Amino acid sequence: MPKAPRKHIPPGTRTKQQRRKDYNQERKGTLTTKRYSSARWQKVRRLALNRDHGLCQSCRRRGRATNAKDVDHILDAARYPDLFFTLENLESL
């Protein structure tokens, strides 16, 4: 079976992989990225999941019991950086 012809990409156009690589490279050194990879964040995240019994709080409010996979800030971490590691500002989702 013949192969499909290659798609024409104009010179100077970046592929999706190149854009993703550039984006990740730009974010690599940001304060937020460093905070999320810290041992302190991992500990606070684990405490939030344990406090919520590993259940998604958004789902629980709707009467469903679903396992939580993530922990999110209630008040935006970018706007309130002093609350980044505050357990009361976290909910399991």
PDB file of N, CA and C in Angstrom:
ATOM      1  N   MET A   1       0.841  -1.174   0.000  1.00  0.00           N
ATOM      2  CA  MET A   1       0.000   0.000   0.000  1.00  0.00           C
ATOM      3  C   MET A   1       0.891   1.244   0.000  1.00  0.00           C
ATOM      4  N   PRO A   2       0.637   2.209  -0.867  1.00  0.00           N
ATOM      5  CA  PRO A   2       1.496   3.388  -0.951  1.00  0.00           C
ATOM      6  C   PRO A   2       1.327   4.293   0.280  1.00  0.00           C
ATOM      7  N   LYS A   3       2.409   4.960   0.600  1.00  0.00           N
ATOM      8  CA  LYS A   3       2.394   5.882   1.732  1.00  0.00           C
ATOM      9  C   LYS A   3       1.732   7.193   1.320  1.00  0.00           C
ATOM     10  N   ALA A   4       1.138   7.871   2.294  1.00  0.00           N
ATOM     11  CA  ALA A   4       0.535   9.182   2.043  1.00  0.00           C
ATOM     12  C   ALA A   4       1.663  10.187   1.816  1.00  0.00           C
ATOM     13  N   PRO A   5       1.438  11.152   0.936  1.00  0.00           N
ATOM     14  CA  PRO A   5       2.476  12.150   0.706  1.00  0.00           C
ATOM     15  C   PRO A   5       2.727  12.975   1.971  1.00  0.00           C
ATOM     16  N   ARG A   6       3.953  13.402   2.131  1.00  0.00           N
ATOM     17  CA  ARG A   6       4.313  14.208   3.304  1.00  0.00           C
ATOM     18  C   ARG A   6       3.618  15.551   3.246  1.00  0.00           C
ATOM     19  N   LYS A   7       3.204  16.009   4.400  1.00  0.00           N
ATOM     20  CA  LYS A   7       2.525  17.295   4.522  1.00  0.00           C
ATOM     21  C   LYS A   7       3.557  18.417   4.374  1.00  0.00           C
ATOM     22  N   HIS A   8       3.216  19.446   3.617  1.00  0.00           N
ATOM     23  CA  HIS A   8       4.122  20.580   3.442  1.00  0.00           C
ATOM     24  C   HIS A   8       4.100  21.451   4.687  1.00  0.00           C
ATOM     25  N   ILE A   9       5.276  21.679   5.243  1.00  0.00           N
ATOM     26  CA  ILE A   9       5.411  22.563   6.396  1.00  0.00           C
ATOM     27  C   ILE A   9       6.271  23.738   5.952  1.00  0.00           C
ATOM     28  N   PRO A  10       5.703  24.945   5.968  1.00  0.00           N
ATOM     29  CA  PRO A  10       6.464  26.115   5.545  1.00  0.00           C
ATOM     30  C   PRO A  10       7.706  26.321   6.405  1.00  0.00           C
ATOM     31  N   PRO A  11       8.772  26.856   5.814  1.00  0.00           N
ATOM     32  CA  PRO A  11       9.999  27.099   6.574  1.00  0.00           C
ATOM     33  C   PRO A  11       9.732  28.014   7.764  1.00  0.00           C
ATOM     34  N   GLY A  12      10.343  27.719   8.882  1.00  0.00           N
ATOM     35  CA  GLY A  12      10.188  28.540  10.079  1.00  0.00           C
ATOM     36  C   GLY A  12       9.018  28.130  10.948  1.00  0.00           C
ATOM     37  N   THR A  13       8.218  27.171  10.510  1.00  0.00           N
ATOM     38  CA  THR A  13       7.095  26.701  11.300  1.00  0.00           C
ATOM     39  C   THR A  13       7.573  25.614  12.246  1.00  0.00           C
ATOM     40  N   ARG A  14       7.200  25.745  13.518  1.00  0.00           N
ATOM     41  CA  ARG A  14       7.611  24.748  14.511  1.00  0.00           C
ATOM     42  C   ARG A  14       6.544  23.658  14.626  1.00  0.00           C
ATOM     43  N   THR A  15       6.999  22.445  14.834  1.00  0.00           N
ATOM     44  CA  THR A  15       6.067  21.328  15.006  1.00  0.00           C
ATOM     45  C   THR A  15       5.498  21.365  16.419  1.00  0.00           C
ATOM     46  N   LYS A  16       4.479  20.557  16.653  1.00  0.00           N
ATOM     47  CA  LYS A  16       3.862  20.478  17.969  1.00  0.00           C
ATOM     48  C   LYS A  16       4.887  20.043  19.018  1.00  0.00           C
ATOM     49  N   GLN A  17       5.729  19.082  18.649  1.00  0.00           N
ATOM     50  CA  GLN A  17       6.749  18.605  19.572  1.00  0.00           C
ATOM     51  C   GLN A  17       7.755  19.711  19.909  1.00  0.00           C
ATOM     52  N   GLN A  18       8.123  20.507  18.904  1.00  0.00           N
ATOM     53  CA  GLN A  18       9.064  21.599  19.146  1.00  0.00           C
ATOM     54  C   GLN A  18       8.442  22.666  20.052  1.00  0.00           C
ATOM     55  N   ARG A  19       7.155  22.985  19.824  1.00  0.00           N
ATOM     56  CA  ARG A  19       6.478  23.974  20.666  1.00  0.00           C
ATOM     57  C   ARG A  19       6.377  23.481  22.102  1.00  0.00           C
ATOM     58  N   ARG A  20       6.056  22.197  22.278  1.00  0.00           N
ATOM     59  CA  ARG A  20       5.949  21.621  23.620  1.00  0.00           C
ATOM     60  C   ARG A  20       7.304  21.647  24.320  1.00  0.00           C
ATOM     61  N   LYS A  21       8.361  21.297  23.596  1.00  0.00           N
ATOM     62  CA  LYS A  21       9.708  21.298  24.161  1.00  0.00           C
ATOM     63  C   LYS A  21      10.100  22.705  24.605  1.00  0.00           C
ATOM     64  N   ASP A  22       9.829  23.701  23.762  1.00  0.00           N
ATOM     65  CA  ASP A  22      10.143  25.092  24.096  1.00  0.00           C
ATOM     66  C   ASP A  22       9.360  25.551  25.329  1.00  0.00           C
ATOM     67  N   TYR A  23       8.068  25.197  25.375  1.00  0.00           N
ATOM     68  CA  TYR A  23       7.223  25.583  26.506  1.00  0.00           C
ATOM     69  C   TYR A  23       7.762  24.978  27.797  1.00  0.00           C
ATOM     70  N   ASN A  24       8.083  23.695  27.764  1.00  0.00           N
ATOM     71  CA  ASN A  24       8.603  23.029  28.956  1.00  0.00           C
ATOM     72  C   ASN A  24       9.938  23.619  29.390  1.00  0.00           C
ATOM     73  N   GLN A  25      10.767  23.974  28.424  1.00  0.00           N
ATOM     74  CA  GLN A  25      12.066  24.562  28.729  1.00  0.00           C
ATOM     75  C   GLN A  25      11.895  25.924  29.404  1.00  0.00           C
ATOM     76  N   GLU A  26      10.920  26.709  28.936  1.00  0.00           N
ATOM     77  CA  GLU A  26      10.669  28.026  29.526  1.00  0.00           C
ATOM     78  C   GLU A  26      10.182  27.890  30.967  1.00  0.00           C
ATOM     79  N   ARG A  27       9.345  26.891  31.235  1.00  0.00           N
ATOM     80  CA  ARG A  27       8.752  26.715  32.564  1.00  0.00           C
ATOM     81  C   ARG A  27       9.677  26.001  33.540  1.00  0.00           C
ATOM     82  N   LYS A  28      10.704  25.381  33.040  1.00  0.00           N
ATOM     83  CA  LYS A  28      11.566  24.526  33.860  1.00  0.00           C
ATOM     84  C   LYS A  28      12.128  25.248  35.073  1.00  0.00           C
ATOM     85  N   GLY A  29      12.543  26.473  34.915  1.00  0.00           N
ATOM     86  CA  GLY A  29      13.180  27.186  36.008  1.00  0.00           C
ATOM     87  C   GLY A  29      12.258  28.091  36.796  1.00  0.00           C
ATOM     88  N   THR A  30      10.960  28.065  36.536  1.00  0.00           N
ATOM     89  CA  THR A  30      10.065  28.972  37.243  1.00  0.00           C
ATOM     90  C   THR A  30       9.885  28.552  38.692  1.00  0.00           C
ATOM     91  N   LEU A  31       9.536  29.505  39.516  1.00  0.00           N
ATOM     92  CA  LEU A  31       9.341  29.248  40.935  1.00  0.00           C
ATOM     93  C   LEU A  31       8.229  28.234  41.171  1.00  0.00           C
ATOM     94  N   THR A  32       7.142  28.339  40.422  1.00  0.00           N
ATOM     95  CA  THR A  32       6.025  27.413  40.591  1.00  0.00           C
ATOM     96  C   THR A  32       6.455  25.989  40.305  1.00  0.00           C
ATOM     97  N   THR A  33       7.200  25.785  39.229  1.00  0.00           N
ATOM     98  CA  THR A  33       7.673  24.449  38.877  1.00  0.00           C
ATOM     99  C   THR A  33       8.566  23.897  39.981  1.00  0.00           C
ATOM    100  N   LYS A  34       9.419  24.736  40.521  1.00  0.00           N
ATOM    101  CA  LYS A  34      10.313  24.293  41.599  1.00  0.00           C
ATOM    102  C   LYS A  34       9.520  23.940  42.851  1.00  0.00           C
ATOM    103  N   ARG A  35       8.478  24.698  43.129  1.00  0.00           N
ATOM    104  CA  ARG A  35       7.664  24.402  44.310  1.00  0.00           C
ATOM    105  C   ARG A  35       6.962  23.061  44.168  1.00  0.00           C
ATOM    106  N   TYR A  36       6.383  22.786  42.989  1.00  0.00           N
ATOM    107  CA  TYR A  36       5.658  21.536  42.796  1.00  0.00           C
ATOM    108  C   TYR A  36       6.581  20.317  42.833  1.00  0.00           C
ATOM    109  N   SER A  37       7.848  20.502  42.594  1.00  0.00           N
ATOM    110  CA  SER A  37       8.763  19.362  42.622  1.00  0.00           C
ATOM    111  C   SER A  37       9.480  19.232  43.968  1.00  0.00           C
ATOM    112  N   SER A  38       9.125  20.088  44.930  1.00  0.00           N
ATOM    113  CA  SER A  38       9.806  20.059  46.229  1.00  0.00           C
ATOM    114  C   SER A  38       9.252  18.973  47.148  1.00  0.00           C
ATOM    115  N   ALA A  39      10.076  18.561  48.099  1.00  0.00           N
ATOM    116  CA  ALA A  39       9.659  17.568  49.095  1.00  0.00           C
ATOM    117  C   ALA A  39       8.551  18.144  49.976  1.00  0.00           C
ATOM    118  N   ARG A  40       8.600  19.429  50.225  1.00  0.00           N
ATOM    119  CA  ARG A  40       7.564  20.081  51.044  1.00  0.00           C
ATOM    120  C   ARG A  40       6.196  19.961  50.385  1.00  0.00           C
ATOM    121  N   TRP A  41       6.128  20.198  49.060  1.00  0.00           N
ATOM    122  CA  TRP A  41       4.857  20.077  48.348  1.00  0.00           C
ATOM    123  C   TRP A  41       4.353  18.634  48.390  1.00  0.00           C
ATOM    124  N   GLN A  42       5.238  17.680  48.186  1.00  0.00           N
ATOM    125  CA  GLN A  42       4.841  16.274  48.216  1.00  0.00           C
ATOM    126  C   GLN A  42       4.244  15.906  49.574  1.00  0.00           C
ATOM    127  N   LYS A  43       4.818  16.434  50.646  1.00  0.00           N
ATOM    128  CA  LYS A  43       4.311  16.155  51.983  1.00  0.00           C
ATOM    129  C   LYS A  43       2.931  16.788  52.184  1.00  0.00           C
ATOM    130  N   VAL A  44       2.776  18.062  51.811  1.00  0.00           N
ATOM    131  CA  VAL A  44       1.497  18.754  51.982  1.00  0.00           C
ATOM    132  C   VAL A  44       0.431  18.113  51.100  1.00  0.00           C
ATOM    133  N   ARG A  45       0.799  17.706  49.905  1.00  0.00           N
ATOM    134  CA  ARG A  45      -0.130  17.036  48.989  1.00  0.00           C
ATOM    135  C   ARG A  45      -0.631  15.733  49.610  1.00  0.00           C
ATOM    136  N   ARG A  46       0.292  14.952  50.163  1.00  0.00           N
ATOM    137  CA  ARG A  46      -0.076  13.682  50.811  1.00  0.00           C
ATOM    138  C   ARG A  46      -0.990  13.927  52.008  1.00  0.00           C
ATOM    139  N   LEU A  47      -0.702  14.984  52.796  1.00  0.00           N
ATOM    140  CA  LEU A  47      -1.548  15.320  53.936  1.00  0.00           C
ATOM    141  C   LEU A  47      -2.967  15.693  53.484  1.00  0.00           C
ATOM    142  N   ALA A  48      -3.079  16.437  52.384  1.00  0.00           N
ATOM    143  CA  ALA A  48      -4.398  16.828  51.865  1.00  0.00           C
ATOM    144  C   ALA A  48      -5.173  15.599  51.397  1.00  0.00           C
ATOM    145  N   LEU A  49      -4.512  14.694  50.705  1.00  0.00           N
ATOM    146  CA  LEU A  49      -5.189  13.474  50.248  1.00  0.00           C
ATOM    147  C   LEU A  49      -5.643  12.624  51.437  1.00  0.00           C
ATOM    148  N   ASN A  50      -4.806  12.520  52.465  1.00  0.00           N
ATOM    149  CA  ASN A  50      -5.177  11.761  53.657  1.00  0.00           C
ATOM    150  C   ASN A  50      -6.335  12.418  54.398  1.00  0.00           C
ATOM    151  N   ARG A  51      -6.288  13.738  54.514  1.00  0.00           N
ATOM    152  CA  ARG A  51      -7.354  14.468  55.193  1.00  0.00           C
ATOM    153  C   ARG A  51      -8.701  14.238  54.516  1.00  0.00           C
ATOM    154  N   ASP A  52      -8.686  14.203  53.186  1.00  0.00           N
ATOM    155  CA  ASP A  52      -9.919  14.024  52.407  1.00  0.00           C
ATOM    156  C   ASP A  52     -10.232  12.551  52.151  1.00  0.00           C
ATOM    157  N   HIS A  53      -9.519  11.661  52.836  1.00  0.00           N
ATOM    158  CA  HIS A  53      -9.713  10.208  52.715  1.00  0.00           C
ATOM    159  C   HIS A  53      -9.560   9.723  51.269  1.00  0.00           C
ATOM    160  N   GLY A  54      -8.727  10.425  50.492  1.00  0.00           N
ATOM    161  CA  GLY A  54      -8.466  10.026  49.113  1.00  0.00           C
ATOM    162  C   GLY A  54      -9.637  10.209  48.174  1.00  0.00           C
ATOM    163  N   LEU A  55     -10.627  11.021  48.584  1.00  0.00           N
ATOM    164  CA  LEU A  55     -11.825  11.217  47.758  1.00  0.00           C
ATOM    165  C   LEU A  55     -11.847  12.606  47.130  1.00  0.00           C
ATOM    166  N   CYS A  56     -12.343  12.658  45.913  1.00  0.00           N
ATOM    167  CA  CYS A  56     -12.493  13.917  45.188  1.00  0.00           C
ATOM    168  C   CYS A  56     -13.552  14.764  45.891  1.00  0.00           C
ATOM    169  N   GLN A  57     -13.183  15.961  46.309  1.00  0.00           N
ATOM    170  CA  GLN A  57     -14.104  16.824  47.050  1.00  0.00           C
ATOM    171  C   GLN A  57     -15.170  17.445  46.154  1.00  0.00           C
ATOM    172  N   SER A  58     -14.829  17.727  44.924  1.00  0.00           N
ATOM    173  CA  SER A  58     -15.810  18.251  43.967  1.00  0.00           C
ATOM    174  C   SER A  58     -16.892  17.205  43.698  1.00  0.00           C
ATOM    175  N   CYS A  59     -16.480  15.962  43.536  1.00  0.00           N
ATOM    176  CA  CYS A  59     -17.435  14.864  43.308  1.00  0.00           C
ATOM    177  C   CYS A  59     -18.275  14.624  44.556  1.00  0.00           C
ATOM    178  N   ARG A  60     -17.643  14.707  45.720  1.00  0.00           N
ATOM    179  CA  ARG A  60     -18.347  14.471  46.977  1.00  0.00           C
ATOM    180  C   ARG A  60     -19.475  15.481  47.166  1.00  0.00           C
ATOM    181  N   ARG A  61     -19.223  16.744  46.771  1.00  0.00           N
ATOM    182  CA  ARG A  61     -20.264  17.768  46.883  1.00  0.00           C
ATOM    183  C   ARG A  61     -21.468  17.452  46.006  1.00  0.00           C
ATOM    184  N   ARG A  62     -21.243  16.661  44.953  1.00  0.00           N
ATOM    185  CA  ARG A  62     -22.340  16.257  44.057  1.00  0.00           C
ATOM    186  C   ARG A  62     -22.923  14.894  44.435  1.00  0.00           C
ATOM    187  N   GLY A  63     -22.481  14.349  45.567  1.00  0.00           N
ATOM    188  CA  GLY A  63     -23.019  13.090  46.051  1.00  0.00           C
ATOM    189  C   GLY A  63     -22.370  11.846  45.475  1.00  0.00           C
ATOM    190  N   ARG A  64     -21.194  12.001  44.853  1.00  0.00           N
ATOM    191  CA  ARG A  64     -20.486  10.853  44.282  1.00  0.00           C
ATOM    192  C   ARG A  64     -19.216  10.579  45.071  1.00  0.00           C
ATOM    193  N   ALA A  65     -18.847   9.320  45.154  1.00  0.00           N
ATOM    194  CA  ALA A  65     -17.592   8.931  45.795  1.00  0.00           C
ATOM    195  C   ALA A  65     -16.617   8.498  44.701  1.00  0.00           C
ATOM    196  N   THR A  66     -15.627   9.343  44.446  1.00  0.00           N
ATOM    197  CA  THR A  66     -14.635   9.085  43.401  1.00  0.00           C
ATOM    198  C   THR A  66     -13.245   9.274  44.000  1.00  0.00           C
ATOM    199  N   ASN A  67     -12.319   8.420  43.652  1.00  0.00           N
ATOM    200  CA  ASN A  67     -10.940   8.549  44.136  1.00  0.00           C
ATOM    201  C   ASN A  67     -10.310   9.825  43.589  1.00  0.00           C
ATOM    202  N   ALA A  68      -9.595  10.519  44.444  1.00  0.00           N
ATOM    203  CA  ALA A  68      -8.897  11.738  44.048  1.00  0.00           C
ATOM    204  C   ALA A  68      -7.557  11.371  43.417  1.00  0.00           C
ATOM    205  N   LYS A  69      -7.191  12.100  42.379  1.00  0.00           N
ATOM    206  CA  LYS A  69      -5.909  11.881  41.707  1.00  0.00           C
ATOM    207  C   LYS A  69      -4.979  13.071  41.890  1.00  0.00           C
ATOM    208  N   ASP A  70      -5.565  14.241  42.110  1.00  0.00           N
ATOM    209  CA  ASP A  70      -4.792  15.471  42.194  1.00  0.00           C
ATOM    210  C   ASP A  70      -5.175  16.268  43.430  1.00  0.00           C
ATOM    211  N   VAL A  71      -4.342  17.243  43.743  1.00  0.00           N
ATOM    212  CA  VAL A  71      -4.633  18.204  44.797  1.00  0.00           C
ATOM    213  C   VAL A  71      -4.540  19.575  44.149  1.00  0.00           C
ATOM    214  N   ASP A  72      -5.535  20.420  44.408  1.00  0.00           N
ATOM    215  CA  ASP A  72      -5.582  21.738  43.777  1.00  0.00           C
ATOM    216  C   ASP A  72      -5.697  22.813  44.849  1.00  0.00           C
ATOM    217  N   HIS A  73      -5.244  24.010  44.497  1.00  0.00           N
ATOM    218  CA  HIS A  73      -5.379  25.152  45.398  1.00  0.00           C
ATOM    219  C   HIS A  73      -6.785  25.722  45.269  1.00  0.00           C
ATOM    220  N   ILE A  74      -7.403  26.033  46.391  1.00  0.00           N
ATOM    221  CA  ILE A  74      -8.727  26.655  46.387  1.00  0.00           C
ATOM    222  C   ILE A  74      -8.583  28.097  45.917  1.00  0.00           C
ATOM    223  N   LEU A  75      -7.693  28.838  46.549  1.00  0.00           N
ATOM    224  CA  LEU A  75      -7.345  30.182  46.083  1.00  0.00           C
ATOM    225  C   LEU A  75      -6.110  30.044  45.198  1.00  0.00           C
ATOM    226  N   ASP A  76      -6.132  30.684  44.043  1.00  0.00           N
ATOM    227  CA  ASP A  76      -5.091  30.544  43.031  1.00  0.00           C
ATOM    228  C   ASP A  76      -3.690  30.761  43.606  1.00  0.00           C
ATOM    229  N   ALA A  77      -2.819  29.789  43.376  1.00  0.00           N
ATOM    230  CA  ALA A  77      -1.449  29.838  43.899  1.00  0.00           C
ATOM    231  C   ALA A  77      -0.650  30.993  43.310  1.00  0.00           C
ATOM    232  N   ALA A  78      -0.933  31.364  42.080  1.00  0.00           N
ATOM    233  CA  ALA A  78      -0.198  32.474  41.458  1.00  0.00           C
ATOM    234  C   ALA A  78      -0.579  33.813  42.093  1.00  0.00           C
ATOM    235  N   ARG A  79      -1.823  33.960  42.482  1.00  0.00           N
ATOM    236  CA  ARG A  79      -2.285  35.218  43.088  1.00  0.00           C
ATOM    237  C   ARG A  79      -1.991  35.274  44.578  1.00  0.00           C
ATOM    238  N   TYR A  80      -1.944  34.111  45.229  1.00  0.00           N
ATOM    239  CA  TYR A  80      -1.714  34.043  46.672  1.00  0.00           C
ATOM    240  C   TYR A  80      -0.549  33.092  46.963  1.00  0.00           C
ATOM    241  N   PRO A  81       0.668  33.476  46.602  1.00  0.00           N
ATOM    242  CA  PRO A  81       1.812  32.569  46.769  1.00  0.00           C
ATOM    243  C   PRO A  81       2.098  32.220  48.229  1.00  0.00           C
ATOM    244  N   ASP A  82       1.698  33.078  49.162  1.00  0.00           N
ATOM    245  CA  ASP A  82       1.938  32.784  50.573  1.00  0.00           C
ATOM    246  C   ASP A  82       1.063  31.631  51.075  1.00  0.00           C
ATOM    247  N   LEU A  83       0.024  31.261  50.319  1.00  0.00           N
ATOM    248  CA  LEU A  83      -0.852  30.147  50.699  1.00  0.00           C
ATOM    249  C   LEU A  83      -0.507  28.852  49.955  1.00  0.00           C
ATOM    250  N   PHE A  84       0.599  28.851  49.241  1.00  0.00           N
ATOM    251  CA  PHE A  84       0.954  27.707  48.404  1.00  0.00           C
ATOM    252  C   PHE A  84       1.024  26.399  49.193  1.00  0.00           C
ATOM    253  N   PHE A  85       1.648  26.414  50.353  1.00  0.00           N
ATOM    254  CA  PHE A  85       1.834  25.196  51.145  1.00  0.00           C
ATOM    255  C   PHE A  85       0.833  25.086  52.297  1.00  0.00           C
ATOM    256  N   THR A  86      -0.205  25.918  52.305  1.00  0.00           N
ATOM    257  CA  THR A  86      -1.199  25.903  53.379  1.00  0.00           C
ATOM    258  C   THR A  86      -2.219  24.805  53.122  1.00  0.00           C
ATOM    259  N   LEU A  87      -2.328  23.881  54.051  1.00  0.00           N
ATOM    260  CA  LEU A  87      -3.220  22.722  53.909  1.00  0.00           C
ATOM    261  C   LEU A  87      -4.679  23.145  53.751  1.00  0.00           C
ATOM    262  N   GLU A  88      -5.083  24.208  54.432  1.00  0.00           N
ATOM    263  CA  GLU A  88      -6.470  24.669  54.365  1.00  0.00           C
ATOM    264  C   GLU A  88      -6.827  25.227  52.986  1.00  0.00           C
ATOM    265  N   ASN A  89      -5.821  25.553  52.183  1.00  0.00           N
ATOM    266  CA  ASN A  89      -6.059  26.083  50.843  1.00  0.00           C
ATOM    267  C   ASN A  89      -6.005  24.986  49.773  1.00  0.00           C
ATOM    268  N   LEU A  90      -5.974  23.736  50.191  1.00  0.00           N
ATOM    269  CA  LEU A  90      -5.877  22.632  49.234  1.00  0.00           C
ATOM    270  C   LEU A  90      -7.111  21.746  49.316  1.00  0.00           C
ATOM    271  N   GLU A  91      -7.518  21.213  48.150  1.00  0.00           N
ATOM    272  CA  GLU A  91      -8.583  20.220  48.132  1.00  0.00           C
ATOM    273  C   GLU A  91      -8.215  19.126  47.148  1.00  0.00           C
ATOM    274  N   SER A  92      -8.630  17.917  47.468  1.00  0.00           N
ATOM    275  CA  SER A  92      -8.359  16.759  46.622  1.00  0.00           C
ATOM    276  C   SER A  92      -9.372  16.718  45.496  1.00  0.00           C
ATOM    277  N   LEU A  93      -8.879  16.441  44.296  1.00  0.00           N
ATOM    278  CA  LEU A  93      -9.752  16.349  43.124  1.00  0.00           C
ATOM    279  C   LEU A  93      -9.501  15.035  42.390  1.00  0.00           C
TER     280      LEU A  93
END
